[in-house]
Amino acid sequence: MNFPPAKSTPDPFPDRSLKLNWKSVAGFLLLAVLAFLILGLLGGITLLEKTLTALAMPAGLVWLGLIASTYWLLISQQRVGGIFSIGCLLIMTLGGNKFVSNYLAYSLEAPYTQIDIAQMQPLDAVIVLGGGTSSTYNNRVQLGMAGDRVATAARLYHSGSVKKIICTGSQSFRATPEDLQPCEEAKLILIELGIPSDAIILLEGENTSQEMTSLKGWIPENIEATQPRIGLITSAWHLTRALRLASSQGLNFEPIPSNFISGPVNLSPHWIVPSGDNLATTGRIVKEYLAAIVSR
């Protein structure tokens, strides 16, 4: 006598590993909550607010997502995905936290920290590399993040250390016909800072290499001194590269640093959280090192 196959009772938990993973995630979240409570108790409400704010920013949210995905992949024993996620998490953590980005910036700025422009001997001219200005939608010219380049040139002029300021920088594409070249933007701001128009020279160059080429052609024909003393103003982290490119053109400039982006950093938990600013700083410094590798 044939009997129909007995029906198996459905498992209320078809994927027990998934259930276990969710328990692990719950434990992970509990540890995170406890960590924030301890941070608030030991560091105070202000430090807790700064940390939570950093985590709520785009870079912080991506970082949290990488931590969660890495943890999930590892406890799920997905080794290939877990290793890849760990790599991404390390890059985000190291590239985006304040301690690493500040250290990288200081590695390039350290040789110029002792230069005091107030003690600088008179110069025949000073060069302001482009990149320190920008234009707004209403065509208003303003100083940018690297605006200290322009301000340093104005300080040198008003102190009597220099009589001519050479502004460099151009762009291959203008957003509007009224969009000014970087060198033109710098000139307008310098005039507003009390520098006579006839003391400002404009030279083109879409990047540092092209700017040095323009300077090589202009200096011998316009500077009468046999061995002119010419200062080069740019961001401190960019100065080593700029001097190297100048030397490749046979130019010898006095380094004048501006716009330092490194400085003393107090130990604080919220600096560990990656931020967009720190990622940008790390990107700038990595670009400088890559340029040195390829001799650019």
C-alpha atoms as a PDB file:
ATOM      1  CA  MET A   1       0.000   0.000   0.000  1.00  0.00           C
ATOM      2  CA  ASN A   2       1.439   3.336  -1.074  1.00  0.00           C
ATOM      3  CA  PHE A   3       1.247   6.274   1.313  1.00  0.00           C
ATOM      4  CA  PRO A   4       1.727   9.891   0.226  1.00  0.00           C
ATOM      5  CA  PRO A   5       5.014  11.401   1.390  1.00  0.00           C
ATOM      6  CA  ALA A   6       4.733  13.040   4.729  1.00  0.00           C
ATOM      7  CA  LYS A   7       4.853  16.810   4.656  1.00  0.00           C
ATOM      8  CA  SER A   8       7.821  18.262   6.463  1.00  0.00           C
ATOM      9  CA  THR A   9       7.162  20.867   9.068  1.00  0.00           C
ATOM     10  CA  PRO A  10       8.539  24.233   7.839  1.00  0.00           C
ATOM     11  CA  ASP A  11      11.470  25.526   9.843  1.00  0.00           C
ATOM     12  CA  PRO A  12      10.407  28.760  11.570  1.00  0.00           C
ATOM     13  CA  PHE A  13      13.998  29.935  11.185  1.00  0.00           C
ATOM     14  CA  PRO A  14      15.064  28.823   7.683  1.00  0.00           C
ATOM     15  CA  ASP A  15      18.332  30.711   7.878  1.00  0.00           C
ATOM     16  CA  ARG A  16      19.757  30.294  11.351  1.00  0.00           C
ATOM     17  CA  SER A  17      23.029  31.918  10.348  1.00  0.00           C
ATOM     18  CA  LEU A  18      21.107  35.055   9.394  1.00  0.00           C
ATOM     19  CA  LYS A  19      19.432  35.004  12.795  1.00  0.00           C
ATOM     20  CA  LEU A  20      22.828  34.692  14.430  1.00  0.00           C
ATOM     21  CA  ASN A  21      24.133  37.599  12.356  1.00  0.00           C
ATOM     22  CA  TRP A  22      21.318  39.843  13.483  1.00  0.00           C
ATOM     23  CA  LYS A  23      22.136  39.010  17.079  1.00  0.00           C
ATOM     24  CA  SER A  24      25.737  39.973  16.410  1.00  0.00           C
ATOM     25  CA  VAL A  25      24.630  43.236  14.810  1.00  0.00           C
ATOM     26  CA  ALA A  26      22.442  43.993  17.827  1.00  0.00           C
ATOM     27  CA  GLY A  27      25.425  43.412  20.090  1.00  0.00           C
ATOM     28  CA  PHE A  28      27.564  45.663  17.905  1.00  0.00           C
ATOM     29  CA  LEU A  29      25.000  48.466  18.084  1.00  0.00           C
ATOM     30  CA  LEU A  30      24.771  48.078  21.843  1.00  0.00           C
ATOM     31  CA  LEU A  31      28.542  48.468  22.132  1.00  0.00           C
ATOM     32  CA  ALA A  32      28.348  51.607  19.959  1.00  0.00           C
ATOM     33  CA  VAL A  33      25.674  53.129  22.207  1.00  0.00           C
ATOM     34  CA  LEU A  34      27.749  52.347  25.300  1.00  0.00           C
ATOM     35  CA  ALA A  35      30.804  53.939  23.672  1.00  0.00           C
ATOM     36  CA  PHE A  36      28.877  57.168  23.049  1.00  0.00           C
ATOM     37  CA  LEU A  37      27.586  57.190  26.608  1.00  0.00           C
ATOM     38  CA  ILE A  38      31.120  56.778  27.968  1.00  0.00           C
ATOM     39  CA  LEU A  39      32.377  59.505  25.603  1.00  0.00           C
ATOM     40  CA  GLY A  40      29.687  61.872  26.842  1.00  0.00           C
ATOM     41  CA  LEU A  41      30.453  61.131  30.482  1.00  0.00           C
ATOM     42  CA  LEU A  42      34.229  61.463  30.166  1.00  0.00           C
ATOM     43  CA  GLY A  43      34.550  64.153  27.485  1.00  0.00           C
ATOM     44  CA  GLY A  44      31.440  66.198  28.139  1.00  0.00           C
ATOM     45  CA  ILE A  45      28.437  67.090  26.022  1.00  0.00           C
ATOM     46  CA  THR A  46      30.431  69.355  23.683  1.00  0.00           C
ATOM     47  CA  LEU A  47      32.807  66.580  22.606  1.00  0.00           C
ATOM     48  CA  LEU A  48      29.890  64.195  22.183  1.00  0.00           C
ATOM     49  CA  GLU A  49      28.068  66.728  19.981  1.00  0.00           C
ATOM     50  CA  LYS A  50      31.180  67.252  17.832  1.00  0.00           C
ATOM     51  CA  THR A  51      31.610  63.512  17.380  1.00  0.00           C
ATOM     52  CA  LEU A  52      27.954  62.956  16.477  1.00  0.00           C
ATOM     53  CA  THR A  53      28.060  65.889  14.059  1.00  0.00           C
ATOM     54  CA  ALA A  54      31.166  64.470  12.366  1.00  0.00           C
ATOM     55  CA  LEU A  55      29.416  61.119  12.010  1.00  0.00           C
ATOM     56  CA  ALA A  56      26.339  62.785  10.500  1.00  0.00           C
ATOM     57  CA  MET A  57      28.362  64.394   7.703  1.00  0.00           C
ATOM     58  CA  PRO A  58      28.614  62.613   4.292  1.00  0.00           C
ATOM     59  CA  ALA A  59      32.135  61.296   4.946  1.00  0.00           C
ATOM     60  CA  GLY A  60      31.114  60.152   8.433  1.00  0.00           C
ATOM     61  CA  LEU A  61      28.057  58.335   7.117  1.00  0.00           C
ATOM     62  CA  VAL A  62      30.114  56.555   4.456  1.00  0.00           C
ATOM     63  CA  TRP A  63      32.622  55.579   7.157  1.00  0.00           C
ATOM     64  CA  LEU A  64      29.862  54.137   9.348  1.00  0.00           C
ATOM     65  CA  GLY A  65      28.501  52.263   6.345  1.00  0.00           C
ATOM     66  CA  LEU A  66      31.915  50.759   5.651  1.00  0.00           C
ATOM     67  CA  ILE A  67      32.268  49.697   9.289  1.00  0.00           C
ATOM     68  CA  ALA A  68      28.842  48.050   9.223  1.00  0.00           C
ATOM     69  CA  SER A  69      29.386  46.327   5.869  1.00  0.00           C
ATOM     70  CA  THR A  70      32.844  45.099   6.909  1.00  0.00           C
ATOM     71  CA  TYR A  71      31.477  43.674  10.139  1.00  0.00           C
ATOM     72  CA  TRP A  72      28.565  41.997   8.355  1.00  0.00           C
ATOM     73  CA  LEU A  73      30.767  40.459   5.652  1.00  0.00           C
ATOM     74  CA  LEU A  74      33.246  39.117   8.193  1.00  0.00           C
ATOM     75  CA  ILE A  75      30.688  37.489  10.499  1.00  0.00           C
ATOM     76  CA  SER A  76      28.967  36.076   7.397  1.00  0.00           C
ATOM     77  CA  GLN A  77      32.307  34.501   6.443  1.00  0.00           C
ATOM     78  CA  GLN A  78      32.379  36.254   3.066  1.00  0.00           C
ATOM     79  CA  ARG A  79      36.129  36.532   3.010  1.00  0.00           C
ATOM     80  CA  VAL A  80      36.717  38.136  -0.393  1.00  0.00           C
ATOM     81  CA  GLY A  81      34.114  40.822   0.170  1.00  0.00           C
ATOM     82  CA  GLY A  82      35.310  41.280   3.746  1.00  0.00           C
ATOM     83  CA  ILE A  83      38.929  41.812   2.722  1.00  0.00           C
ATOM     84  CA  PHE A  84      37.897  44.309   0.044  1.00  0.00           C
ATOM     85  CA  SER A  85      35.695  46.154   2.525  1.00  0.00           C
ATOM     86  CA  ILE A  86      38.540  46.246   5.082  1.00  0.00           C
ATOM     87  CA  GLY A  87      40.794  47.843   2.455  1.00  0.00           C
ATOM     88  CA  CYS A  88      38.209  50.522   1.672  1.00  0.00           C
ATOM     89  CA  LEU A  89      37.665  51.144   5.374  1.00  0.00           C
ATOM     90  CA  LEU A  90      41.400  51.571   5.992  1.00  0.00           C
ATOM     91  CA  ILE A  91      41.750  54.035   3.106  1.00  0.00           C
ATOM     92  CA  MET A  92      38.766  56.047   4.347  1.00  0.00           C
ATOM     93  CA  THR A  93      39.953  55.988   7.958  1.00  0.00           C
ATOM     94  CA  LEU A  94      43.574  56.912   7.284  1.00  0.00           C
ATOM     95  CA  GLY A  95      42.887  59.402   4.502  1.00  0.00           C
ATOM     96  CA  GLY A  96      40.038  61.140   6.251  1.00  0.00           C
ATOM     97  CA  ASN A  97      41.097  61.581   9.860  1.00  0.00           C
ATOM     98  CA  LYS A  98      42.753  64.723  11.166  1.00  0.00           C
ATOM     99  CA  PHE A  99      45.896  63.128  12.576  1.00  0.00           C
ATOM    100  CA  VAL A 100      47.023  61.523   9.302  1.00  0.00           C
ATOM    101  CA  SER A 101      46.098  64.437   7.026  1.00  0.00           C
ATOM    102  CA  ASN A 102      47.839  66.908   9.347  1.00  0.00           C
ATOM    103  CA  TYR A 103      50.984  64.737   9.500  1.00  0.00           C
ATOM    104  CA  LEU A 104      51.116  64.434   5.706  1.00  0.00           C
ATOM    105  CA  ALA A 105      50.723  68.195   5.272  1.00  0.00           C
ATOM    106  CA  TYR A 106      53.438  68.886   7.830  1.00  0.00           C
ATOM    107  CA  SER A 107      55.817  66.555   5.997  1.00  0.00           C
ATOM    108  CA  LEU A 108      55.828  69.061   3.109  1.00  0.00           C
ATOM    109  CA  GLU A 109      55.474  72.269   5.107  1.00  0.00           C
ATOM    110  CA  ALA A 110      58.122  71.601   7.766  1.00  0.00           C
ATOM    111  CA  PRO A 111      61.099  73.051   5.790  1.00  0.00           C
ATOM    112  CA  TYR A 112      59.364  76.450   5.596  1.00  0.00           C
ATOM    113  CA  THR A 113      57.936  76.907   9.084  1.00  0.00           C
ATOM    114  CA  GLN A 114      60.887  79.061  10.218  1.00  0.00           C
ATOM    115  CA  ILE A 115      60.694  81.572   7.349  1.00  0.00           C
ATOM    116  CA  ASP A 116      59.579  84.963   8.666  1.00  0.00           C
ATOM    117  CA  ILE A 117      58.529  87.395   5.951  1.00  0.00           C
ATOM    118  CA  ALA A 118      58.929  90.272   8.407  1.00  0.00           C
ATOM    119  CA  GLN A 119      62.690  89.562   8.435  1.00  0.00           C
ATOM    120  CA  MET A 120      63.031  89.085   4.676  1.00  0.00           C
ATOM    121  CA  GLN A 121      65.617  91.137   2.771  1.00  0.00           C
ATOM    122  CA  PRO A 122      64.397  93.396  -0.093  1.00  0.00           C
ATOM    123  CA  LEU A 123      63.466  91.589  -3.294  1.00  0.00           C
ATOM    124  CA  ASP A 124      63.478  92.740  -6.924  1.00  0.00           C
ATOM    125  CA  ALA A 125      60.058  91.142  -7.428  1.00  0.00           C
ATOM    126  CA  VAL A 126      57.730  88.590  -5.916  1.00  0.00           C
ATOM    127  CA  ILE A 127      55.641  85.973  -7.730  1.00  0.00           C
ATOM    128  CA  VAL A 128      52.134  85.008  -6.640  1.00  0.00           C
ATOM    129  CA  LEU A 129      51.106  81.693  -8.156  1.00  0.00           C
ATOM    130  CA  GLY A 130      47.464  81.443  -9.190  1.00  0.00           C
ATOM    131  CA  GLY A 131      44.928  79.491  -7.193  1.00  0.00           C
ATOM    132  CA  GLY A 132      44.262  81.823  -4.296  1.00  0.00           C
ATOM    133  CA  THR A 133      41.208  83.605  -5.708  1.00  0.00           C
ATOM    134  CA  SER A 134      37.825  82.914  -7.228  1.00  0.00           C
ATOM    135  CA  SER A 135      34.826  84.728  -8.706  1.00  0.00           C
ATOM    136  CA  THR A 136      31.250  84.508  -7.439  1.00  0.00           C
ATOM    137  CA  TYR A 137      28.054  84.350  -9.516  1.00  0.00           C
ATOM    138  CA  ASN A 138      27.700  88.135  -9.317  1.00  0.00           C
ATOM    139  CA  ASN A 139      31.254  88.521 -10.688  1.00  0.00           C
ATOM    140  CA  ARG A 140      32.627  89.553  -7.315  1.00  0.00           C
ATOM    141  CA  VAL A 141      36.271  88.608  -6.846  1.00  0.00           C
ATOM    142  CA  GLN A 142      37.178  87.014  -3.537  1.00  0.00           C
ATOM    143  CA  LEU A 143      40.051  85.270  -1.787  1.00  0.00           C
ATOM    144  CA  GLY A 144      39.810  81.494  -1.718  1.00  0.00           C
ATOM    145  CA  MET A 145      41.232  78.879   0.627  1.00  0.00           C
ATOM    146  CA  ALA A 146      44.740  79.744  -0.606  1.00  0.00           C
ATOM    147  CA  GLY A 147      44.072  83.480  -0.474  1.00  0.00           C
ATOM    148  CA  ASP A 148      46.953  83.972   1.945  1.00  0.00           C
ATOM    149  CA  ARG A 149      49.161  83.939  -1.171  1.00  0.00           C
ATOM    150  CA  VAL A 150      47.727  87.280  -2.266  1.00  0.00           C
ATOM    151  CA  ALA A 151      47.648  88.702   1.262  1.00  0.00           C
ATOM    152  CA  THR A 152      51.329  87.795   1.766  1.00  0.00           C
ATOM    153  CA  ALA A 153      52.286  89.666  -1.414  1.00  0.00           C
ATOM    154  CA  ALA A 154      50.396  92.746  -0.203  1.00  0.00           C
ATOM    155  CA  ARG A 155      52.143  92.597   3.179  1.00  0.00           C
ATOM    156  CA  LEU A 156      55.552  92.412   1.515  1.00  0.00           C
ATOM    157  CA  TYR A 157      54.768  95.377  -0.713  1.00  0.00           C
ATOM    158  CA  HIS A 158      53.517  97.579   2.105  1.00  0.00           C
ATOM    159  CA  SER A 159      56.537  96.670   4.240  1.00  0.00           C
ATOM    160  CA  GLY A 160      58.811  97.950   1.479  1.00  0.00           C
ATOM    161  CA  SER A 161      60.364  94.543   0.796  1.00  0.00           C
ATOM    162  CA  VAL A 162      59.250  94.441  -2.839  1.00  0.00           C
ATOM    163  CA  LYS A 163      58.240  96.914  -5.546  1.00  0.00           C
ATOM    164  CA  LYS A 164      56.834  94.574  -8.216  1.00  0.00           C
ATOM    165  CA  ILE A 165      54.316  91.752  -7.872  1.00  0.00           C
ATOM    166  CA  ILE A 166      53.993  89.155 -10.638  1.00  0.00           C
ATOM    167  CA  CYS A 167      50.606  87.408 -10.627  1.00  0.00           C
ATOM    168  CA  THR A 168      50.366  84.202 -12.648  1.00  0.00           C
ATOM    169  CA  GLY A 169      47.555  81.871 -13.605  1.00  0.00           C
ATOM    170  CA  SER A 170      45.044  81.382 -16.389  1.00  0.00           C
ATOM    171  CA  GLN A 171      42.308  78.921 -17.262  1.00  0.00           C
ATOM    172  CA  SER A 172      41.611  77.093 -20.501  1.00  0.00           C
ATOM    173  CA  PHE A 173      37.845  77.504 -20.237  1.00  0.00           C
ATOM    174  CA  ARG A 174      35.854  80.489 -18.997  1.00  0.00           C
ATOM    175  CA  ALA A 175      32.406  79.826 -17.537  1.00  0.00           C
ATOM    176  CA  THR A 176      31.165  83.213 -18.819  1.00  0.00           C
ATOM    177  CA  PRO A 177      32.716  86.001 -20.925  1.00  0.00           C
ATOM    178  CA  GLU A 178      33.027  88.021 -17.699  1.00  0.00           C
ATOM    179  CA  ASP A 179      34.895  85.221 -15.918  1.00  0.00           C
ATOM    180  CA  LEU A 180      38.341  86.554 -15.044  1.00  0.00           C
ATOM    181  CA  GLN A 181      41.638  84.745 -15.237  1.00  0.00           C
ATOM    182  CA  PRO A 182      43.190  83.866 -11.838  1.00  0.00           C
ATOM    183  CA  CYS A 183      45.971  86.421 -12.368  1.00  0.00           C
ATOM    184  CA  GLU A 184      43.365  89.105 -13.136  1.00  0.00           C
ATOM    185  CA  GLU A 185      41.405  88.220  -9.995  1.00  0.00           C
ATOM    186  CA  ALA A 186      44.558  88.531  -7.896  1.00  0.00           C
ATOM    187  CA  LYS A 187      45.350  91.916  -9.449  1.00  0.00           C
ATOM    188  CA  LEU A 188      41.916  93.328  -8.622  1.00  0.00           C
ATOM    189  CA  ILE A 189      42.218  92.268  -5.001  1.00  0.00           C
ATOM    190  CA  LEU A 190      45.764  93.640  -4.729  1.00  0.00           C
ATOM    191  CA  ILE A 191      44.590  97.002  -6.080  1.00  0.00           C
ATOM    192  CA  GLU A 192      41.818  97.014  -3.464  1.00  0.00           C
ATOM    193  CA  LEU A 193      44.537  96.355  -0.870  1.00  0.00           C
ATOM    194  CA  GLY A 194      46.355  99.502  -1.909  1.00  0.00           C
ATOM    195  CA  ILE A 195      48.856  98.174  -4.476  1.00  0.00           C
ATOM    196  CA  PRO A 196      49.338 100.489  -7.522  1.00  0.00           C
ATOM    197  CA  SER A 197      48.202  98.924 -10.790  1.00  0.00           C
ATOM    198  CA  ASP A 198      51.527  99.631 -12.485  1.00  0.00           C
ATOM    199  CA  ALA A 199      53.342  97.579  -9.826  1.00  0.00           C
ATOM    200  CA  ILE A 200      51.433  94.406 -10.811  1.00  0.00           C
ATOM    201  CA  ILE A 201      52.441  92.216 -13.771  1.00  0.00           C
ATOM    202  CA  LEU A 202      50.203  89.477 -15.180  1.00  0.00           C
ATOM    203  CA  LEU A 203      51.495  86.243 -16.710  1.00  0.00           C
ATOM    204  CA  GLU A 204      49.568  83.243 -18.010  1.00  0.00           C
ATOM    205  CA  GLY A 205      49.855  79.582 -17.129  1.00  0.00           C
ATOM    206  CA  GLU A 206      47.191  76.924 -16.613  1.00  0.00           C
ATOM    207  CA  ASN A 207      49.320  74.968 -14.152  1.00  0.00           C
ATOM    208  CA  THR A 208      52.536  75.420 -12.197  1.00  0.00           C
ATOM    209  CA  SER A 209      54.684  74.032 -15.005  1.00  0.00           C
ATOM    210  CA  GLN A 210      53.246  76.476 -17.553  1.00  0.00           C
ATOM    211  CA  GLU A 211      53.586  79.340 -15.085  1.00  0.00           C
ATOM    212  CA  MET A 212      57.309  78.608 -14.756  1.00  0.00           C
ATOM    213  CA  THR A 213      57.651  78.572 -18.532  1.00  0.00           C
ATOM    214  CA  SER A 214      56.037  82.025 -18.700  1.00  0.00           C
ATOM    215  CA  LEU A 215      58.357  83.312 -15.971  1.00  0.00           C
ATOM    216  CA  LYS A 216      61.430  81.964 -17.753  1.00  0.00           C
ATOM    217  CA  GLY A 217      60.561  84.031 -20.801  1.00  0.00           C
ATOM    218  CA  TRP A 218      59.595  87.192 -18.914  1.00  0.00           C
ATOM    219  CA  ILE A 219      62.256  87.589 -16.195  1.00  0.00           C
ATOM    220  CA  PRO A 220      65.430  87.952 -18.323  1.00  0.00           C
ATOM    221  CA  GLU A 221      63.850  90.677 -20.448  1.00  0.00           C
ATOM    222  CA  ASN A 222      62.263  92.686 -17.635  1.00  0.00           C
ATOM    223  CA  ILE A 223      64.462  92.340 -14.545  1.00  0.00           C
ATOM    224  CA  GLU A 224      67.631  94.388 -14.965  1.00  0.00           C
ATOM    225  CA  ALA A 225      69.622  92.959 -12.054  1.00  0.00           C
ATOM    226  CA  THR A 226      72.398  90.509 -12.979  1.00  0.00           C
ATOM    227  CA  GLN A 227      71.394  88.142 -10.206  1.00  0.00           C
ATOM    228  CA  PRO A 228      67.864  89.202  -9.311  1.00  0.00           C
ATOM    229  CA  ARG A 229      66.354  88.243  -5.963  1.00  0.00           C
ATOM    230  CA  ILE A 230      62.843  87.085  -6.700  1.00  0.00           C
ATOM    231  CA  GLY A 231      60.491  85.569  -4.158  1.00  0.00           C
ATOM    232  CA  LEU A 232      58.024  82.811  -4.942  1.00  0.00           C
ATOM    233  CA  ILE A 233      54.761  82.843  -2.988  1.00  0.00           C
ATOM    234  CA  THR A 234      52.565  79.788  -2.937  1.00  0.00           C
ATOM    235  CA  SER A 235      50.966  77.478  -0.387  1.00  0.00           C
ATOM    236  CA  ALA A 236      53.592  75.982   1.921  1.00  0.00           C
ATOM    237  CA  TRP A 237      52.565  72.422   0.998  1.00  0.00           C
ATOM    238  CA  HIS A 238      53.005  73.276  -2.723  1.00  0.00           C
ATOM    239  CA  LEU A 239      56.266  75.190  -2.374  1.00  0.00           C
ATOM    240  CA  THR A 240      58.666  72.244  -2.756  1.00  0.00           C
ATOM    241  CA  ARG A 241      57.065  71.229  -6.036  1.00  0.00           C
ATOM    242  CA  ALA A 242      56.966  74.799  -7.333  1.00  0.00           C
ATOM    243  CA  LEU A 243      60.662  75.339  -6.553  1.00  0.00           C
ATOM    244  CA  ARG A 244      61.528  72.044  -8.240  1.00  0.00           C
ATOM    245  CA  LEU A 245      59.686  73.061 -11.405  1.00  0.00           C
ATOM    246  CA  ALA A 246      61.367  76.482 -11.302  1.00  0.00           C
ATOM    247  CA  SER A 247      64.780  74.857 -11.007  1.00  0.00           C
ATOM    248  CA  SER A 248      64.029  72.690 -14.034  1.00  0.00           C
ATOM    249  CA  GLN A 249      63.626  75.940 -15.998  1.00  0.00           C
ATOM    250  CA  GLY A 250      66.873  77.354 -14.642  1.00  0.00           C
ATOM    251  CA  LEU A 251      65.077  79.715 -12.258  1.00  0.00           C
ATOM    252  CA  ASN A 252      66.201  80.340  -8.697  1.00  0.00           C
ATOM    253  CA  PHE A 253      63.595  81.834  -6.356  1.00  0.00           C
ATOM    254  CA  GLU A 254      63.459  82.699  -2.670  1.00  0.00           C
ATOM    255  CA  PRO A 255      60.775  80.508  -1.014  1.00  0.00           C
ATOM    256  CA  ILE A 256      57.953  82.462   0.618  1.00  0.00           C
ATOM    257  CA  PRO A 257      55.407  80.116   2.189  1.00  0.00           C
ATOM    258  CA  SER A 258      51.762  80.950   2.784  1.00  0.00           C
ATOM    259  CA  ASN A 259      48.531  79.160   3.590  1.00  0.00           C
ATOM    260  CA  PHE A 260      49.889  76.562   5.997  1.00  0.00           C
ATOM    261  CA  ILE A 261      47.352  73.769   6.463  1.00  0.00           C
ATOM    262  CA  SER A 262      49.155  71.820   9.190  1.00  0.00           C
ATOM    263  CA  GLY A 263      49.440  72.743  12.828  1.00  0.00           C
ATOM    264  CA  PRO A 264      49.296  71.409  16.382  1.00  0.00           C
ATOM    265  CA  VAL A 265      46.464  68.908  16.832  1.00  0.00           C
ATOM    266  CA  ASN A 266      45.001  68.145  20.249  1.00  0.00           C
ATOM    267  CA  LEU A 267      44.135  64.515  20.875  1.00  0.00           C
ATOM    268  CA  SER A 268      40.374  64.232  20.511  1.00  0.00           C
ATOM    269  CA  PRO A 269      38.160  61.265  19.585  1.00  0.00           C
ATOM    270  CA  HIS A 270      36.150  63.197  17.013  1.00  0.00           C
ATOM    271  CA  TRP A 271      39.293  63.817  14.910  1.00  0.00           C
ATOM    272  CA  ILE A 272      39.361  60.075  14.171  1.00  0.00           C
ATOM    273  CA  VAL A 273      36.096  60.334  12.241  1.00  0.00           C
ATOM    274  CA  PRO A 274      36.842  61.058   8.544  1.00  0.00           C
ATOM    275  CA  SER A 275      35.754  64.408   7.159  1.00  0.00           C
ATOM    276  CA  GLY A 276      35.592  65.971   3.718  1.00  0.00           C
ATOM    277  CA  ASP A 277      38.166  68.609   4.670  1.00  0.00           C
ATOM    278  CA  ASN A 278      40.670  66.011   5.830  1.00  0.00           C
ATOM    279  CA  LEU A 279      40.126  63.917   2.714  1.00  0.00           C
ATOM    280  CA  ALA A 280      40.760  67.016   0.599  1.00  0.00           C
ATOM    281  CA  THR A 281      43.977  67.770   2.512  1.00  0.00           C
ATOM    282  CA  THR A 282      45.207  64.202   2.104  1.00  0.00           C
ATOM    283  CA  GLY A 283      44.368  64.349  -1.597  1.00  0.00           C
ATOM    284  CA  ARG A 284      46.402  67.530  -2.064  1.00  0.00           C
ATOM    285  CA  ILE A 285      49.458  66.062  -0.366  1.00  0.00           C
ATOM    286  CA  VAL A 286      49.227  62.724  -2.199  1.00  0.00           C
ATOM    287  CA  LYS A 287      49.014  64.684  -5.461  1.00  0.00           C
ATOM    288  CA  GLU A 288      52.245  66.525  -4.572  1.00  0.00           C
ATOM    289  CA  TYR A 289      54.066  63.250  -3.888  1.00  0.00           C
ATOM    290  CA  LEU A 290      52.731  61.678  -7.083  1.00  0.00           C
ATOM    291  CA  ALA A 291      53.914  64.741  -9.032  1.00  0.00           C
ATOM    292  CA  ALA A 292      57.399  64.290  -7.547  1.00  0.00           C
ATOM    293  CA  ILE A 293      57.435  60.636  -8.657  1.00  0.00           C
ATOM    294  CA  VAL A 294      56.609  61.540 -12.270  1.00  0.00           C
ATOM    295  CA  SER A 295      58.749  64.728 -12.226  1.00  0.00           C
ATOM    296  CA  ARG A 296      55.850  67.098 -12.767  1.00  0.00           C
END
